[in-house]
Amino acid sequence: MKTHYIVALAAAAGIAIGAAAVETLHAQAKPPGFLVAEIDVSNVEAYNKEFLPLASKALDAGGAKFLVRGGKHTAIDGPAPPQRVVISQFESLEKAVATYQSPEYREARKIGDKYAKFRIWAAEGVAPK
């Protein structure tokens, strides 16, 4: 009889530990953050030479994974976006915002603002399953 209680208690403890582990894993699966930058560059040579190296360093440090970085794009419905479009993925929306508000990126933007007009926004992606 005593053995049955021990087995039942061990099973209940195992279920509780397993449920806690699953809950912890679900809490860690935050949705990624995506950032979209629409950039109208007025001086391509200076933008590429002076701004991009500094901005790239700051964004790499923030964990940016670039999905689109310039390149060809086309309008499907509505006006065409500016000449340069950048789409990047971050660990979370908060990480994307923090990276673009970092002192390193803000310093790079002082240079970038001389050569381009920026429209940058971020959105939360779908949480991984």
N, C-alpha and C. Protein backbone atom coordinates (compact mmCIF):
# COMPACT_ATOMS: atom_id res chain seq x y z
N MET A 1 0.82 -1.19 0.00
CA MET A 1 0.00 0.00 0.00
C MET A 1 0.87 1.25 0.00
N LYS A 2 1.90 1.28 0.83
CA LYS A 2 2.79 2.41 0.93
C LYS A 2 3.50 2.66 -0.40
N THR A 3 3.84 1.60 -1.10
CA THR A 3 4.52 1.70 -2.38
C THR A 3 3.65 2.42 -3.40
N HIS A 4 2.34 2.17 -3.37
CA HIS A 4 1.43 2.83 -4.29
C HIS A 4 1.43 4.35 -4.08
N TYR A 5 1.47 4.77 -2.81
CA TYR A 5 1.51 6.21 -2.53
C TYR A 5 2.81 6.83 -3.04
N ILE A 6 3.91 6.14 -2.87
CA ILE A 6 5.21 6.65 -3.32
C ILE A 6 5.22 6.77 -4.85
N VAL A 7 4.70 5.76 -5.54
CA VAL A 7 4.66 5.79 -7.00
C VAL A 7 3.73 6.92 -7.47
N ALA A 8 2.58 7.07 -6.85
CA ALA A 8 1.63 8.12 -7.22
C ALA A 8 2.23 9.50 -6.96
N LEU A 9 2.92 9.65 -5.84
CA LEU A 9 3.55 10.93 -5.52
C LEU A 9 4.67 11.24 -6.51
N ALA A 10 5.47 10.25 -6.88
CA ALA A 10 6.54 10.44 -7.86
C ALA A 10 5.96 10.81 -9.23
N ALA A 11 4.88 10.17 -9.62
CA ALA A 11 4.25 10.49 -10.90
C ALA A 11 3.71 11.91 -10.89
N ALA A 12 3.06 12.30 -9.80
CA ALA A 12 2.52 13.66 -9.70
C ALA A 12 3.65 14.69 -9.74
N ALA A 13 4.75 14.40 -9.06
CA ALA A 13 5.89 15.33 -9.08
C ALA A 13 6.47 15.43 -10.48
N GLY A 14 6.56 14.31 -11.18
CA GLY A 14 7.07 14.32 -12.56
C GLY A 14 6.20 15.14 -13.49
N ILE A 15 4.89 15.00 -13.33
CA ILE A 15 3.96 15.77 -14.16
C ILE A 15 4.10 17.27 -13.86
N ALA A 16 4.21 17.61 -12.59
CA ALA A 16 4.36 19.03 -12.21
C ALA A 16 5.65 19.61 -12.76
N ILE A 17 6.74 18.88 -12.67
CA ILE A 17 8.03 19.35 -13.19
C ILE A 17 7.96 19.49 -14.71
N GLY A 18 7.36 18.52 -15.37
CA GLY A 18 7.22 18.58 -16.82
C GLY A 18 6.37 19.76 -17.26
N ALA A 19 5.28 20.01 -16.56
CA ALA A 19 4.41 21.13 -16.90
C ALA A 19 5.14 22.45 -16.71
N ALA A 20 5.93 22.56 -15.65
CA ALA A 20 6.70 23.79 -15.41
C ALA A 20 7.74 23.99 -16.51
N ALA A 21 8.38 22.92 -16.95
CA ALA A 21 9.38 23.03 -18.02
C ALA A 21 8.74 23.47 -19.33
N VAL A 22 7.58 22.91 -19.65
CA VAL A 22 6.88 23.28 -20.88
C VAL A 22 6.47 24.76 -20.82
N GLU A 23 5.98 25.19 -19.68
CA GLU A 23 5.57 26.59 -19.52
C GLU A 23 6.77 27.53 -19.68
N THR A 24 7.92 27.14 -19.14
CA THR A 24 9.13 27.94 -19.28
C THR A 24 9.56 28.03 -20.74
N LEU A 25 9.49 26.92 -21.46
CA LEU A 25 9.86 26.93 -22.88
C LEU A 25 8.92 27.80 -23.69
N HIS A 26 7.63 27.77 -23.40
CA HIS A 26 6.68 28.61 -24.11
C HIS A 26 6.94 30.09 -23.83
N ALA A 27 7.29 30.41 -22.59
CA ALA A 27 7.58 31.80 -22.23
C ALA A 27 8.82 32.31 -22.96
N GLN A 28 9.76 31.44 -23.25
CA GLN A 28 10.98 31.83 -23.93
C GLN A 28 10.77 32.04 -25.43
N ALA A 29 9.71 31.54 -25.98
CA ALA A 29 9.45 31.61 -27.42
C ALA A 29 8.77 32.94 -27.75
N LYS A 30 9.50 34.04 -27.58
CA LYS A 30 8.96 35.36 -27.90
C LYS A 30 8.89 35.53 -29.40
N PRO A 31 7.93 36.29 -29.87
CA PRO A 31 7.86 36.54 -31.30
C PRO A 31 9.03 37.43 -31.74
N PRO A 32 9.52 37.21 -32.96
CA PRO A 32 10.62 38.05 -33.45
C PRO A 32 10.12 39.46 -33.76
N GLY A 33 11.06 40.37 -33.83
CA GLY A 33 10.75 41.73 -34.23
C GLY A 33 11.26 41.96 -35.64
N PHE A 34 10.49 42.63 -36.45
CA PHE A 34 10.90 42.94 -37.82
C PHE A 34 10.96 44.45 -37.97
N LEU A 35 11.97 44.91 -38.66
CA LEU A 35 12.15 46.32 -38.88
C LEU A 35 12.17 46.61 -40.37
N VAL A 36 11.45 47.64 -40.77
CA VAL A 36 11.40 48.04 -42.17
C VAL A 36 11.92 49.47 -42.26
N ALA A 37 12.90 49.68 -43.13
CA ALA A 37 13.45 51.01 -43.36
C ALA A 37 13.26 51.36 -44.84
N GLU A 38 12.64 52.48 -45.08
CA GLU A 38 12.49 53.01 -46.43
C GLU A 38 13.40 54.22 -46.50
N ILE A 39 14.36 54.20 -47.42
CA ILE A 39 15.42 55.21 -47.41
C ILE A 39 15.52 55.86 -48.78
N ASP A 40 15.45 57.18 -48.79
CA ASP A 40 15.60 57.95 -50.01
C ASP A 40 16.99 58.60 -49.96
N VAL A 41 17.93 58.04 -50.68
CA VAL A 41 19.32 58.47 -50.63
C VAL A 41 19.56 59.58 -51.64
N SER A 42 20.15 60.68 -51.19
CA SER A 42 20.44 61.81 -52.08
C SER A 42 21.89 61.79 -52.58
N ASN A 43 22.80 61.16 -51.83
CA ASN A 43 24.20 61.08 -52.22
C ASN A 43 24.66 59.64 -51.97
N VAL A 44 24.53 58.80 -52.97
CA VAL A 44 24.79 57.37 -52.80
C VAL A 44 26.23 57.10 -52.41
N GLU A 45 27.17 57.75 -53.05
CA GLU A 45 28.59 57.48 -52.77
C GLU A 45 28.94 57.80 -51.31
N ALA A 46 28.55 58.97 -50.84
CA ALA A 46 28.84 59.35 -49.45
C ALA A 46 28.07 58.48 -48.46
N TYR A 47 26.83 58.16 -48.80
CA TYR A 47 26.00 57.28 -47.95
C TYR A 47 26.69 55.93 -47.76
N ASN A 48 27.14 55.35 -48.88
CA ASN A 48 27.80 54.04 -48.82
C ASN A 48 29.13 54.09 -48.09
N LYS A 49 29.86 55.16 -48.27
CA LYS A 49 31.22 55.25 -47.71
C LYS A 49 31.21 55.69 -46.24
N GLU A 50 30.39 56.67 -45.89
CA GLU A 50 30.45 57.26 -44.55
C GLU A 50 29.43 56.68 -43.57
N PHE A 51 28.22 56.44 -44.05
CA PHE A 51 27.14 56.00 -43.15
C PHE A 51 27.06 54.48 -42.99
N LEU A 52 27.04 53.76 -44.11
CA LEU A 52 26.80 52.31 -44.04
C LEU A 52 27.76 51.54 -43.14
N PRO A 53 29.07 51.80 -43.16
CA PRO A 53 29.95 51.02 -42.27
C PRO A 53 29.60 51.21 -40.79
N LEU A 54 29.31 52.43 -40.38
CA LEU A 54 28.96 52.69 -38.97
C LEU A 54 27.61 52.08 -38.61
N ALA A 55 26.63 52.27 -39.49
CA ALA A 55 25.29 51.73 -39.22
C ALA A 55 25.32 50.21 -39.20
N SER A 56 26.04 49.60 -40.13
CA SER A 56 26.12 48.14 -40.19
C SER A 56 26.73 47.57 -38.91
N LYS A 57 27.75 48.23 -38.41
CA LYS A 57 28.40 47.78 -37.17
C LYS A 57 27.42 47.82 -35.99
N ALA A 58 26.66 48.91 -35.89
CA ALA A 58 25.69 49.04 -34.81
C ALA A 58 24.56 48.01 -34.93
N LEU A 59 24.09 47.78 -36.15
CA LEU A 59 22.99 46.83 -36.36
C LEU A 59 23.46 45.39 -36.16
N ASP A 60 24.66 45.07 -36.60
CA ASP A 60 25.20 43.73 -36.36
C ASP A 60 25.34 43.47 -34.87
N ALA A 61 25.79 44.49 -34.12
CA ALA A 61 25.92 44.34 -32.67
C ALA A 61 24.57 44.10 -32.01
N GLY A 62 23.50 44.63 -32.60
CA GLY A 62 22.16 44.43 -32.06
C GLY A 62 21.51 43.12 -32.48
N GLY A 63 22.20 42.35 -33.31
CA GLY A 63 21.68 41.05 -33.72
C GLY A 63 20.79 41.08 -34.95
N ALA A 64 20.90 42.11 -35.77
CA ALA A 64 20.07 42.20 -36.98
C ALA A 64 20.40 41.08 -37.95
N LYS A 65 19.36 40.45 -38.45
CA LYS A 65 19.49 39.46 -39.52
C LYS A 65 18.78 40.08 -40.72
N PHE A 66 19.55 40.43 -41.74
CA PHE A 66 18.98 41.15 -42.87
C PHE A 66 18.28 40.19 -43.82
N LEU A 67 17.02 40.50 -44.11
CA LEU A 67 16.22 39.72 -45.05
C LEU A 67 16.19 40.42 -46.41
N VAL A 68 16.18 41.75 -46.38
CA VAL A 68 16.25 42.58 -47.59
C VAL A 68 17.20 43.72 -47.25
N ARG A 69 18.13 43.96 -48.15
CA ARG A 69 19.10 45.04 -47.90
C ARG A 69 19.40 45.72 -49.23
N GLY A 70 18.55 46.68 -49.56
CA GLY A 70 18.68 47.32 -50.86
C GLY A 70 18.12 46.38 -51.91
N GLY A 71 18.74 46.34 -53.05
CA GLY A 71 18.31 45.42 -54.09
C GLY A 71 17.06 45.87 -54.80
N LYS A 72 16.65 45.08 -55.73
CA LYS A 72 15.51 45.39 -56.60
C LYS A 72 14.19 45.21 -55.83
N HIS A 73 13.28 46.16 -56.04
CA HIS A 73 11.93 46.06 -55.49
C HIS A 73 10.97 46.71 -56.45
N THR A 74 9.71 46.35 -56.34
CA THR A 74 8.71 46.88 -57.25
C THR A 74 7.40 47.12 -56.50
N ALA A 75 6.69 48.14 -56.89
CA ALA A 75 5.38 48.44 -56.29
C ALA A 75 4.33 47.51 -56.89
N ILE A 76 3.45 47.02 -56.08
CA ILE A 76 2.35 46.18 -56.55
C ILE A 76 1.04 46.94 -56.47
N ASP A 77 0.84 47.67 -55.39
CA ASP A 77 -0.38 48.45 -55.20
C ASP A 77 0.00 49.71 -54.43
N GLY A 78 -0.27 50.86 -54.97
CA GLY A 78 0.10 52.11 -54.32
C GLY A 78 1.44 52.62 -54.83
N PRO A 79 1.90 53.72 -54.26
CA PRO A 79 3.15 54.31 -54.74
C PRO A 79 4.36 53.42 -54.43
N ALA A 80 5.37 53.54 -55.26
CA ALA A 80 6.60 52.78 -55.06
C ALA A 80 7.33 53.30 -53.82
N PRO A 81 7.98 52.42 -53.09
CA PRO A 81 8.79 52.87 -51.95
C PRO A 81 10.02 53.62 -52.46
N PRO A 82 10.70 54.33 -51.57
CA PRO A 82 11.93 55.01 -51.98
C PRO A 82 12.94 54.02 -52.57
N GLN A 83 14.04 54.56 -53.06
CA GLN A 83 15.00 53.74 -53.79
C GLN A 83 15.64 52.62 -52.99
N ARG A 84 15.71 52.73 -51.68
CA ARG A 84 16.36 51.69 -50.88
C ARG A 84 15.39 51.19 -49.81
N VAL A 85 15.24 49.88 -49.72
CA VAL A 85 14.39 49.25 -48.71
C VAL A 85 15.24 48.24 -47.95
N VAL A 86 15.11 48.27 -46.62
CA VAL A 86 15.82 47.32 -45.77
C VAL A 86 14.79 46.66 -44.85
N ILE A 87 14.81 45.33 -44.79
CA ILE A 87 13.96 44.59 -43.86
C ILE A 87 14.89 43.70 -43.05
N SER A 88 14.81 43.82 -41.73
CA SER A 88 15.67 43.01 -40.88
C SER A 88 14.86 42.37 -39.77
N GLN A 89 15.37 41.26 -39.29
CA GLN A 89 14.71 40.50 -38.22
C GLN A 89 15.57 40.56 -36.98
N PHE A 90 14.92 40.70 -35.84
CA PHE A 90 15.59 40.73 -34.55
C PHE A 90 14.97 39.69 -33.63
N GLU A 91 15.65 39.42 -32.55
CA GLU A 91 15.20 38.46 -31.55
C GLU A 91 13.79 38.81 -31.04
N SER A 92 13.49 40.11 -30.90
CA SER A 92 12.19 40.56 -30.43
C SER A 92 11.96 41.99 -30.90
N LEU A 93 10.74 42.46 -30.77
CA LEU A 93 10.42 43.84 -31.11
C LEU A 93 11.22 44.80 -30.23
N GLU A 94 11.34 44.46 -28.97
CA GLU A 94 12.08 45.30 -28.04
C GLU A 94 13.56 45.42 -28.44
N LYS A 95 14.13 44.31 -28.89
CA LYS A 95 15.53 44.31 -29.33
C LYS A 95 15.71 45.16 -30.58
N ALA A 96 14.75 45.11 -31.50
CA ALA A 96 14.81 45.93 -32.72
C ALA A 96 14.79 47.41 -32.36
N VAL A 97 13.87 47.80 -31.51
CA VAL A 97 13.75 49.20 -31.12
C VAL A 97 15.00 49.65 -30.37
N ALA A 98 15.48 48.83 -29.45
CA ALA A 98 16.67 49.19 -28.67
C ALA A 98 17.89 49.35 -29.57
N THR A 99 18.01 48.52 -30.59
CA THR A 99 19.16 48.61 -31.49
C THR A 99 19.14 49.92 -32.25
N TYR A 100 17.99 50.32 -32.73
CA TYR A 100 17.89 51.57 -33.49
C TYR A 100 17.92 52.80 -32.59
N GLN A 101 17.74 52.62 -31.29
CA GLN A 101 17.86 53.73 -30.36
C GLN A 101 19.21 53.73 -29.64
N SER A 102 20.08 52.79 -30.00
CA SER A 102 21.38 52.69 -29.34
C SER A 102 22.24 53.91 -29.65
N PRO A 103 23.15 54.25 -28.76
CA PRO A 103 24.06 55.38 -29.02
C PRO A 103 24.89 55.19 -30.29
N GLU A 104 25.28 53.97 -30.59
CA GLU A 104 26.08 53.70 -31.78
C GLU A 104 25.29 54.00 -33.06
N TYR A 105 24.05 53.55 -33.09
CA TYR A 105 23.24 53.80 -34.29
C TYR A 105 22.87 55.29 -34.38
N ARG A 106 22.53 55.92 -33.27
CA ARG A 106 22.17 57.34 -33.28
C ARG A 106 23.34 58.18 -33.79
N GLU A 107 24.56 57.79 -33.42
CA GLU A 107 25.75 58.50 -33.89
C GLU A 107 25.90 58.31 -35.40
N ALA A 108 25.69 57.10 -35.89
CA ALA A 108 25.77 56.84 -37.33
C ALA A 108 24.70 57.65 -38.07
N ARG A 109 23.52 57.77 -37.49
CA ARG A 109 22.44 58.50 -38.16
C ARG A 109 22.74 59.97 -38.34
N LYS A 110 23.56 60.54 -37.47
CA LYS A 110 23.95 61.94 -37.65
C LYS A 110 24.61 62.11 -39.02
N ILE A 111 25.39 61.13 -39.42
CA ILE A 111 26.02 61.16 -40.74
C ILE A 111 25.00 60.80 -41.82
N GLY A 112 24.22 59.76 -41.58
CA GLY A 112 23.23 59.31 -42.55
C GLY A 112 22.21 60.37 -42.91
N ASP A 113 21.84 61.18 -41.93
CA ASP A 113 20.84 62.22 -42.18
C ASP A 113 21.33 63.28 -43.16
N LYS A 114 22.63 63.38 -43.35
CA LYS A 114 23.18 64.32 -44.33
C LYS A 114 22.92 63.85 -45.76
N TYR A 115 22.81 62.52 -45.93
CA TYR A 115 22.77 61.94 -47.27
C TYR A 115 21.47 61.21 -47.61
N ALA A 116 20.54 61.13 -46.66
CA ALA A 116 19.32 60.36 -46.93
C ALA A 116 18.19 60.81 -46.01
N LYS A 117 16.97 60.50 -46.44
CA LYS A 117 15.78 60.66 -45.60
C LYS A 117 15.30 59.26 -45.27
N PHE A 118 14.98 59.04 -44.00
CA PHE A 118 14.64 57.71 -43.51
C PHE A 118 13.19 57.66 -43.03
N ARG A 119 12.56 56.55 -43.27
CA ARG A 119 11.29 56.18 -42.65
C ARG A 119 11.50 54.78 -42.11
N ILE A 120 11.51 54.64 -40.80
CA ILE A 120 11.83 53.35 -40.18
C ILE A 120 10.72 52.99 -39.20
N TRP A 121 10.24 51.75 -39.30
CA TRP A 121 9.23 51.28 -38.37
C TRP A 121 9.45 49.80 -38.08
N ALA A 122 8.92 49.37 -36.94
CA ALA A 122 9.10 47.99 -36.51
C ALA A 122 7.74 47.36 -36.20
N ALA A 123 7.69 46.05 -36.34
CA ALA A 123 6.47 45.29 -36.06
C ALA A 123 6.84 43.97 -35.41
N GLU A 124 5.96 43.50 -34.56
CA GLU A 124 6.16 42.21 -33.92
C GLU A 124 5.71 41.11 -34.87
N GLY A 125 6.55 40.08 -35.02
CA GLY A 125 6.23 38.95 -35.88
C GLY A 125 5.37 37.94 -35.17
N VAL A 126 5.21 36.80 -35.76
CA VAL A 126 4.42 35.71 -35.21
C VAL A 126 5.33 34.85 -34.35
N ALA A 127 4.89 34.51 -33.16
CA ALA A 127 5.69 33.69 -32.25
C ALA A 127 5.93 32.30 -32.84
N PRO A 128 7.14 31.78 -32.67
CA PRO A 128 7.40 30.42 -33.18
C PRO A 128 6.56 29.40 -32.42
N LYS A 129 6.20 28.35 -33.12
CA LYS A 129 5.39 27.29 -32.49
C LYS A 129 6.26 26.16 -32.04
